[in-house]
Protein backbone atom coordinates (compact mmCIF):
# COMPACT_ATOMS: atom_id res chain seq x y z
CA MET A 1 -8.91 36.55 15.61
CA THR A 2 -5.45 36.31 14.01
CA ASN A 3 -4.76 36.71 10.28
CA LYS A 4 -4.04 33.00 9.99
CA GLU A 5 -7.39 32.15 11.58
CA VAL A 6 -9.16 34.51 9.17
CA THR A 7 -7.35 32.83 6.28
CA ALA A 8 -8.31 29.41 7.63
CA TYR A 9 -11.98 30.33 7.87
CA ALA A 10 -11.89 31.78 4.35
CA GLY A 11 -10.30 28.57 3.06
CA LEU A 12 -12.86 26.48 4.92
CA SER A 13 -15.70 28.47 3.37
CA LEU A 14 -14.21 27.96 -0.09
CA MET A 15 -13.76 24.23 0.59
CA THR A 16 -17.42 23.94 1.65
CA LEU A 17 -18.57 25.65 -1.55
CA ILE A 18 -16.37 23.43 -3.75
CA THR A 19 -17.58 20.23 -2.06
CA GLY A 20 -21.24 21.22 -2.23
CA LEU A 21 -21.02 21.96 -5.95
CA SER A 22 -19.04 18.79 -6.73
CA PHE A 23 -22.27 16.73 -6.90
CA ILE A 24 -23.42 18.95 -9.78
CA PHE A 25 -20.21 18.43 -11.74
CA VAL A 26 -20.44 14.66 -11.21
CA LYS A 27 -23.91 14.75 -12.76
CA ILE A 28 -22.59 16.82 -15.69
CA GLY A 29 -19.72 14.38 -16.23
CA LEU A 30 -22.05 11.37 -16.14
CA ALA A 31 -24.05 12.88 -19.00
CA TYR A 32 -21.07 12.25 -21.33
CA ALA A 33 -19.26 9.23 -19.83
CA ASN A 34 -19.91 6.16 -17.73
CA PRO A 35 -18.87 6.28 -14.06
CA TYR A 36 -15.67 4.28 -14.64
CA ASP A 37 -14.35 6.61 -17.35
CA LEU A 38 -15.34 9.69 -15.33
CA LEU A 39 -13.41 8.40 -12.32
CA ALA A 40 -10.38 7.51 -14.44
CA HIS A 41 -10.23 10.94 -16.07
CA ARG A 42 -10.93 12.72 -12.78
CA PHE A 43 -8.02 11.02 -11.04
CA THR A 44 -5.75 11.47 -14.03
CA VAL A 45 -6.25 15.23 -13.71
CA ALA A 46 -5.75 14.99 -9.92
CA PHE A 47 -2.57 12.93 -10.40
CA LEU A 48 -1.13 15.41 -12.92
CA THR A 49 -1.90 18.21 -10.45
CA VAL A 50 -0.04 16.32 -7.71
CA ILE A 51 2.95 15.82 -10.05
CA ALA A 52 3.01 19.58 -10.75
CA LEU A 53 2.87 20.35 -7.02
CA LEU A 54 5.67 17.86 -6.34
CA ALA A 55 7.80 19.50 -9.03
CA ALA A 56 7.12 22.90 -7.48
CA GLY A 57 8.14 21.63 -4.05
CA VAL A 58 4.71 22.23 -2.50
CA ILE A 59 4.26 18.54 -1.63
CA ARG A 60 6.86 16.14 -0.29
CA ILE A 61 6.21 12.41 -0.25
CA PRO A 62 6.92 11.09 3.26
CA LYS A 63 9.09 8.05 3.83
CA ILE A 64 6.60 5.33 4.76
CA ALA A 65 7.67 2.67 7.26
CA PRO A 66 7.31 -0.88 5.89
CA ARG A 67 4.70 -1.77 8.52
CA ASP A 68 2.50 1.13 7.40
CA ARG A 69 2.57 0.51 3.64
CA ILE A 70 -0.11 -2.18 3.73
CA SER A 71 -2.16 -0.02 6.11
CA ILE A 72 -2.14 2.89 3.65
CA LEU A 73 -3.18 0.53 0.85
CA GLY A 74 -6.03 -0.66 3.06
CA ILE A 75 -7.10 2.89 3.87
CA SER A 76 -7.02 3.74 0.16
CA LEU A 77 -9.52 0.95 -0.46
CA PHE A 78 -12.07 2.94 1.55
CA TYR A 79 -10.93 6.37 0.30
CA PRO A 80 -10.60 7.18 -2.53
CA LEU A 81 -11.48 3.87 -4.22
CA LEU A 82 -14.78 2.79 -2.64
CA PHE A 83 -15.88 6.30 -1.70
CA PHE A 84 -15.67 7.81 -5.18
CA ALA A 85 -16.70 4.65 -7.04
CA LEU A 86 -19.89 4.23 -5.00
CA GLN A 87 -20.61 7.96 -5.24
CA ALA A 88 -20.36 8.00 -9.04
CA LEU A 89 -22.39 4.81 -9.42
CA GLY A 90 -25.05 6.01 -6.99
CA MET A 91 -25.47 9.36 -8.70
CA GLN A 92 -26.59 7.60 -11.86
CA TYR A 93 -29.88 7.02 -10.03
CA SER A 94 -30.03 10.18 -7.90
CA THR A 95 -30.10 13.92 -8.39
CA ALA A 96 -27.41 16.26 -7.08
CA SER A 97 -29.78 17.58 -4.41
CA GLU A 98 -30.65 14.05 -3.23
CA ALA A 99 -26.96 13.17 -3.01
CA GLY A 100 -26.34 16.30 -0.96
CA VAL A 101 -29.02 15.29 1.54
CA ILE A 102 -27.64 11.76 1.83
CA PHE A 103 -24.10 13.02 2.41
CA ALA A 104 -25.43 15.09 5.31
CA PHE A 105 -25.51 11.74 7.13
CA LEU A 106 -21.72 11.79 7.58
CA PRO A 107 -21.84 13.18 11.17
CA VAL A 108 -24.67 10.76 11.98
CA PHE A 109 -22.68 7.75 10.82
CA MET A 110 -19.62 9.10 12.64
CA LEU A 111 -21.67 9.04 15.85
CA VAL A 112 -22.76 5.45 15.27
CA ALA A 113 -19.21 4.35 14.36
CA GLY A 114 -17.81 6.02 17.47
CA TRP A 115 -20.38 4.23 19.61
CA LEU A 116 -19.77 0.82 17.99
CA PHE A 117 -16.00 0.81 17.48
CA LEU A 118 -14.60 3.45 19.83
CA LYS A 119 -17.08 2.92 22.71
CA GLU A 120 -17.94 6.62 22.78
CA ARG A 121 -20.95 7.70 24.83
CA THR A 122 -24.02 9.25 23.19
CA THR A 123 -26.79 11.42 24.61
CA PHE A 124 -30.55 11.05 24.30
CA TRP A 125 -30.66 14.04 21.95
CA GLN A 126 -27.96 12.58 19.73
CA LYS A 127 -29.92 9.34 19.40
CA SER A 128 -33.00 11.44 18.63
CA GLY A 129 -31.02 13.26 15.93
CA VAL A 130 -30.07 9.97 14.28
CA ALA A 131 -33.70 8.82 14.30
CA LEU A 132 -34.90 12.17 12.93
CA SER A 133 -32.35 12.21 10.08
CA VAL A 134 -33.12 8.64 9.00
CA SER A 135 -36.86 9.29 9.14
CA ALA A 136 -36.47 12.48 7.10
CA LEU A 137 -34.53 10.68 4.37
CA ILE A 138 -37.23 8.00 4.13
CA PHE A 139 -39.84 10.79 4.03
CA ILE A 140 -38.17 12.49 1.06
CA PHE A 141 -37.80 9.42 -1.11
CA TRP A 142 -41.20 8.02 -0.18
CA HIS A 143 -42.86 11.17 -1.57
CA LYS A 144 -40.95 10.96 -4.85
CA ASN A 145 -43.66 8.81 -6.45
CA GLY A 146 -42.96 6.09 -3.91
CA ILE A 147 -39.62 4.35 -3.41
CA GLN A 148 -38.80 2.94 -6.87
CA SER A 149 -36.08 0.41 -7.64
CA GLN A 150 -33.75 3.02 -9.12
CA ASN A 151 -34.23 5.27 -6.10
CA VAL A 152 -33.37 2.36 -3.82
CA TRP A 153 -30.15 1.61 -5.71
CA GLY A 154 -29.15 5.27 -5.62
CA ILE A 155 -29.84 5.49 -1.89
CA ILE A 156 -27.96 2.27 -1.10
CA LEU A 157 -24.88 3.14 -3.18
CA LEU A 158 -24.63 6.70 -1.83
CA LEU A 159 -25.10 5.53 1.76
CA LEU A 160 -22.36 2.93 1.21
CA SER A 161 -20.16 5.73 -0.10
CA VAL A 162 -20.69 7.67 3.12
CA ILE A 163 -19.99 4.53 5.18
CA SER A 164 -16.73 3.98 3.28
CA MET A 165 -15.66 7.47 4.35
CA ILE A 166 -16.36 6.46 7.95
CA GLY A 167 -14.14 3.40 7.48
CA TYR A 168 -11.40 5.72 6.23
CA PHE A 169 -11.75 7.99 9.29
CA VAL A 170 -11.81 5.15 11.82
CA ILE A 171 -8.99 3.07 10.34
CA GLY A 172 -6.80 5.88 9.06
CA LYS A 173 -6.75 8.08 12.15
CA LYS A 174 -3.52 6.67 13.59
CA ILE A 175 -1.75 6.63 10.22
CA MET A 176 -2.58 10.29 9.59
CA GLN A 177 -1.13 11.21 12.99
CA ARG A 178 2.24 9.68 12.07
CA TYR A 179 2.72 11.24 8.63
CA ASN A 180 2.27 14.52 6.82
CA SER A 181 -1.32 14.37 5.64
CA LEU A 182 -0.60 16.20 2.38
CA GLY A 183 2.02 13.65 1.41
CA VAL A 184 -0.30 10.75 2.27
CA THR A 185 -3.04 12.44 0.22
CA ALA A 186 -0.67 12.51 -2.77
CA ILE A 187 -0.03 8.77 -2.34
CA MET A 188 -3.75 8.01 -2.15
CA ILE A 189 -4.51 10.07 -5.26
CA THR A 190 -1.78 8.13 -7.07
CA ILE A 191 -3.39 4.84 -6.00
CA GLY A 192 -6.76 6.11 -7.24
CA PHE A 193 -5.20 7.15 -10.56
CA ILE A 194 -3.72 3.68 -11.12
CA ALA A 195 -6.78 1.72 -9.96
CA PHE A 196 -9.48 3.68 -11.79
CA ASN A 197 -7.54 3.89 -15.06
CA LEU A 198 -6.81 0.17 -14.88
CA ILE A 199 -10.52 -0.61 -14.37
CA SER A 200 -11.64 1.72 -17.14
CA LEU A 201 -9.06 0.59 -19.70
CA THR A 202 -9.74 -3.08 -18.90
CA ARG A 203 -13.46 -2.56 -19.55
CA HIS A 204 -12.68 -0.81 -22.86
CA ALA A 205 -10.26 -3.59 -23.86
CA MET A 206 -12.89 -6.25 -23.19
CA ASN A 207 -15.45 -4.29 -25.23
CA GLY A 208 -13.01 -3.40 -28.01
CA SER A 209 -13.63 0.31 -27.42
CA VAL A 210 -10.21 1.60 -26.31
CA ALA A 211 -10.25 4.07 -29.23
CA ILE A 212 -13.10 6.04 -27.62
CA TYR A 213 -11.42 6.30 -24.22
CA PHE A 214 -10.78 10.03 -24.61
CA GLN A 215 -13.92 10.74 -26.66
CA PRO A 216 -15.84 12.50 -23.82
CA PHE A 217 -13.27 15.32 -23.91
CA VAL A 218 -14.71 16.59 -27.21
CA HIS A 219 -17.57 17.91 -25.07
CA MET A 220 -16.52 21.05 -23.20
CA PRO A 221 -18.96 20.53 -20.30
CA PHE A 222 -17.25 17.17 -19.60
CA THR A 223 -13.80 18.73 -19.78
CA TRP A 224 -14.77 21.46 -17.34
CA SER A 225 -16.39 18.97 -14.97
CA VAL A 226 -13.28 16.74 -14.92
CA LEU A 227 -11.01 19.74 -14.30
CA TYR A 228 -13.26 20.87 -11.46
CA LEU A 229 -13.46 17.41 -9.89
CA GLY A 230 -9.78 16.63 -10.36
CA VAL A 231 -8.10 19.91 -9.41
CA LEU A 232 -10.55 21.60 -7.07
CA SER A 233 -12.67 18.83 -5.55
CA SER A 234 -9.91 16.21 -5.21
CA VAL A 235 -6.69 18.15 -4.58
CA LEU A 236 -7.45 21.72 -3.45
CA THR A 237 -10.04 20.69 -0.87
CA SER A 238 -7.46 18.40 0.75
CA TYR A 239 -5.07 21.33 1.20
CA LEU A 240 -7.78 23.66 2.50
CA SER A 241 -9.03 21.01 4.94
CA ASN A 242 -5.56 20.30 6.33
CA TYR A 243 -4.75 24.02 6.67
CA SER A 244 -8.04 24.64 8.49
CA LEU A 245 -7.39 21.81 10.95
CA VAL A 246 -4.27 23.63 12.18
CA TYR A 247 -6.12 26.78 13.25
CA ILE A 248 -9.80 25.77 13.67
CA PRO A 249 -11.26 23.18 16.08
CA ALA A 250 -12.46 20.04 14.33
CA SER A 251 -15.94 20.46 15.82
CA LYS A 252 -16.39 23.77 13.99
CA ILE A 253 -15.13 22.26 10.74
CA SER A 254 -17.77 19.52 10.95
CA ILE A 255 -20.46 22.19 11.38
CA PHE A 256 -19.29 23.87 8.15
CA SER A 257 -19.62 20.54 6.32
CA ASN A 258 -23.35 20.57 6.99
CA LEU A 259 -23.73 23.42 4.52
CA ASN A 260 -22.85 21.02 1.68
CA PRO A 261 -26.40 19.63 1.25
CA ILE A 262 -27.85 23.14 1.08
CA ILE A 263 -25.32 24.14 -1.59
CA ALA A 264 -26.01 20.91 -3.53
CA ILE A 265 -29.78 21.43 -3.42
CA ILE A 266 -29.60 25.08 -4.52
CA GLY A 267 -27.01 24.26 -7.20
CA GLY A 268 -29.08 21.37 -8.54
CA VAL A 269 -32.10 23.64 -8.93
CA LEU A 270 -30.18 26.57 -10.46
CA PHE A 271 -27.71 24.77 -12.75
CA LEU A 272 -29.28 21.39 -13.54
CA GLY A 273 -32.94 22.42 -13.58
CA GLU A 274 -33.81 19.92 -10.84
CA LYS A 275 -37.24 20.44 -9.33
CA MET A 276 -37.70 21.12 -5.64
CA PHE A 277 -40.96 20.15 -3.98
CA TRP A 278 -42.39 20.92 -0.56
CA PHE A 279 -41.35 17.51 0.77
CA ASP A 280 -37.74 18.15 -0.37
CA ILE A 281 -37.64 21.32 1.73
CA VAL A 282 -39.34 19.73 4.75
CA GLY A 283 -37.18 16.59 4.57
CA ALA A 284 -33.89 18.43 4.05
CA THR A 285 -34.70 20.75 6.96
CA ALA A 286 -35.42 17.74 9.18
CA VAL A 287 -32.15 16.06 8.12
CA MET A 288 -30.22 19.21 9.01
CA ALA A 289 -32.05 19.46 12.34
CA GLY A 290 -31.14 15.85 13.13
CA VAL A 291 -27.50 16.46 12.27
CA ALA A 292 -27.51 19.59 14.46
CA LEU A 293 -28.76 17.49 17.39
CA VAL A 294 -25.91 15.03 16.81
CA LEU A 295 -23.28 17.78 16.70
CA PHE A 296 -24.42 20.12 19.46
CA PHE A 297 -25.69 17.76 22.17
CA LYS A 298 -22.48 15.89 22.85
CA PRO A 299 -21.94 14.15 26.20
CA GLU A 300 -20.05 16.17 28.77
CA LYS A 301 -16.42 15.20 29.30
CA ARG A 302 -15.77 13.33 32.52
């Protein structure tokens, strides 16, 4: 293994840890601000980080062909706009550990999207993995005092957030192949900064509460959560992911991503005092087993 491969694996491990813990910091941020303000402040920090990296020459904005400008705007609708908005709204009704389990469905939805839109073949075991993961998720939430209305909203919004990420992958694949992904990431963060601040400030203007726009920053836990989400979870993970893709096969990267739910569950218990019951452990294990079936039992190449 070369030094660059070792560095890539180290960066991938750090990226997995950051992503898994991001659910906890979203929950912390939501304790002091509504989802719209949290998103606005998160992307303001991310945007300022991008500006600093541009000034330092780390990032260069690519020259976008006119025919691709609308495409990038369309991709940005799925990610970051819908993805992060639905995530923040859904986590009002869910715990960090529950969100981690739901986001383990990303490889499952990727399989379904590939079958529907890309006509990719699937194996019996992959179909079994999808069925097992869905059943396990229903099992977890059914045992949480039955499926209540708030649980349902949390599940729906978080699942829609995952689906929006799939839309980003499917639609944005060709665009990402034509341009430097770091530069496109900077553009998308800028779009998120403009959109989320516009939404938040418009809501405050309608309520006559613009004066309290920055009020959450008087609470240090909120400040730390926004810095974490903006700098580490929004910007740094993009760099680590792109660096890893150069030296590590994408299939191995997707396997690393399945550690996110475990990190979210453990972090929720340790840092947020969330309770873990026997059905959480059984259900999360079944979800991970289903995802493993999806990843490892791929059809043989013709």
